[in-house]
Every structure is written in structure tokens, then in C-alpha cells.
Amino acid sequence: MENFPHLQFLQKVSGKPRLHGGGTPHPLSKENKLNNLRHSRNLLNKTTQLKTDWNNQLSVR
């Protein structure tokens, strides 16, 4: 890399990137998309519980 002559790189970066993935979606992702209202409520409940736990831990300290 000409921009960084003071650094020693193991190899030059060239060519097209090798992208991974592109398979079938996880079954849980499909279910969450189909039941987005239930999924959003579940996320809200979890984040609310995390916030409550965090505040309780801070008060204990």
C-alpha cells in the first residue's frame, strides 16, 4: 500500500471480495416478520426489563 510505506502489510488487497451468506433465512426471523406485533412487544418487554435491572443494580451500588 503506497499510502502507508512505513507499515508492512502481509499481502496486497486486490480482486473482488469473497462475500459469504445468501442462504435461507433463519426460521425465527421468518416468524418474527410474520408476527411483527408480538415480536415488537417482546423486544419492548426485554428492553424494559434490562433497564429496570440496570437501575436496580445502580441503586444497590
C-alpha atoms as a PDB file:
ATOM      1  CA  MET A   1       0.000   0.000   0.000  1.00  0.00           C
ATOM      2  CA  GLU A   2       1.709   3.090  -1.288  1.00  0.00           C
ATOM      3  CA  ASN A   3      -0.177   5.386   1.093  1.00  0.00           C
ATOM      4  CA  PHE A   4       1.462   3.752   4.117  1.00  0.00           C
ATOM      5  CA  PRO A   5       5.092   2.958   3.246  1.00  0.00           C
ATOM      6  CA  HIS A   6       6.063   2.784   6.941  1.00  0.00           C
ATOM      7  CA  LEU A   7       3.688  -0.156   7.551  1.00  0.00           C
ATOM      8  CA  GLN A   8       4.479  -3.693   6.475  1.00  0.00           C
ATOM      9  CA  PHE A   9       1.381  -5.470   5.227  1.00  0.00           C
ATOM     10  CA  LEU A  10       1.318  -9.216   4.715  1.00  0.00           C
ATOM     11  CA  GLN A  11      -0.340  -9.026   1.327  1.00  0.00           C
ATOM     12  CA  LYS A  12      -1.806  -6.597  -1.152  1.00  0.00           C
ATOM     13  CA  VAL A  13      -5.549  -6.299  -1.324  1.00  0.00           C
ATOM     14  CA  SER A  14      -6.755  -6.895  -4.855  1.00  0.00           C
ATOM     15  CA  GLY A  15      -9.538  -8.598  -6.714  1.00  0.00           C
ATOM     16  CA  LYS A  16     -13.198  -8.969  -5.933  1.00  0.00           C
ATOM     17  CA  PRO A  17     -14.356  -9.544  -2.349  1.00  0.00           C
ATOM     18  CA  ARG A  18     -15.465 -13.015  -1.327  1.00  0.00           C
ATOM     19  CA  LEU A  19     -18.910 -12.497   0.136  1.00  0.00           C
ATOM     20  CA  HIS A  20     -20.445 -15.139   2.363  1.00  0.00           C
ATOM     21  CA  GLY A  21     -24.079 -15.798   3.188  1.00  0.00           C
ATOM     22  CA  GLY A  22     -27.095 -15.534   0.996  1.00  0.00           C
ATOM     23  CA  GLY A  23     -28.625 -18.774   2.254  1.00  0.00           C
ATOM     24  CA  THR A  24     -32.113 -19.295   3.561  1.00  0.00           C
ATOM     25  CA  PRO A  25     -33.350 -17.047   6.370  1.00  0.00           C
ATOM     26  CA  HIS A  26     -33.486 -18.419   9.901  1.00  0.00           C
ATOM     27  CA  PRO A  27     -36.957 -19.788  10.804  1.00  0.00           C
ATOM     28  CA  LEU A  28     -37.121 -17.442  13.809  1.00  0.00           C
ATOM     29  CA  SER A  29     -36.569 -14.455  11.501  1.00  0.00           C
ATOM     30  CA  LYS A  30     -39.453 -15.586   9.307  1.00  0.00           C
ATOM     31  CA  GLU A  31     -41.699 -15.978  12.351  1.00  0.00           C
ATOM     32  CA  ASN A  32     -40.731 -12.539  13.675  1.00  0.00           C
ATOM     33  CA  LYS A  33     -41.578 -10.928  10.349  1.00  0.00           C
ATOM     34  CA  LEU A  34     -44.953 -12.664  10.199  1.00  0.00           C
ATOM     35  CA  ASN A  35     -45.804 -11.766  13.808  1.00  0.00           C
ATOM     36  CA  ASN A  36     -44.195  -8.347  13.989  1.00  0.00           C
ATOM     37  CA  LEU A  37     -46.584  -7.002  16.640  1.00  0.00           C
ATOM     38  CA  ARG A  38     -45.780  -9.839  19.034  1.00  0.00           C
ATOM     39  CA  HIS A  39     -42.093  -9.520  18.207  1.00  0.00           C
ATOM     40  CA  SER A  40     -42.041  -5.776  18.901  1.00  0.00           C
ATOM     41  CA  ARG A  41     -43.863  -6.276  22.224  1.00  0.00           C
ATOM     42  CA  ASN A  42     -41.369  -8.973  23.152  1.00  0.00           C
ATOM     43  CA  LEU A  43     -38.454  -6.647  22.373  1.00  0.00           C
ATOM     44  CA  LEU A  44     -40.080  -3.846  24.375  1.00  0.00           C
ATOM     45  CA  ASN A  45     -40.559  -6.155  27.364  1.00  0.00           C
ATOM     46  CA  LYS A  46     -36.965  -7.335  27.208  1.00  0.00           C
ATOM     47  CA  THR A  47     -35.506  -3.825  26.947  1.00  0.00           C
ATOM     48  CA  THR A  48     -37.760  -2.596  29.752  1.00  0.00           C
ATOM     49  CA  GLN A  49     -36.572  -5.458  31.949  1.00  0.00           C
ATOM     50  CA  LEU A  50     -32.940  -4.678  31.114  1.00  0.00           C
ATOM     51  CA  LYS A  51     -33.463  -1.027  32.023  1.00  0.00           C
ATOM     52  CA  THR A  52     -35.140  -1.990  35.304  1.00  0.00           C
ATOM     53  CA  ASP A  53     -32.341  -4.407  36.157  1.00  0.00           C
ATOM     54  CA  TRP A  54     -29.754  -1.754  35.320  1.00  0.00           C
ATOM     55  CA  ASN A  55     -31.422   0.838  37.543  1.00  0.00           C
ATOM     56  CA  ASN A  56     -31.762  -1.689  40.385  1.00  0.00           C
ATOM     57  CA  GLN A  57     -28.076  -2.558  40.089  1.00  0.00           C
ATOM     58  CA  LEU A  58     -27.143   1.123  40.194  1.00  0.00           C
ATOM     59  CA  SER A  59     -29.254   1.700  43.299  1.00  0.00           C
ATOM     60  CA  VAL A  60     -27.583  -1.270  45.017  1.00  0.00           C
ATOM     61  CA  ARG A  61     -24.180   0.251  44.301  1.00  0.00           C
END
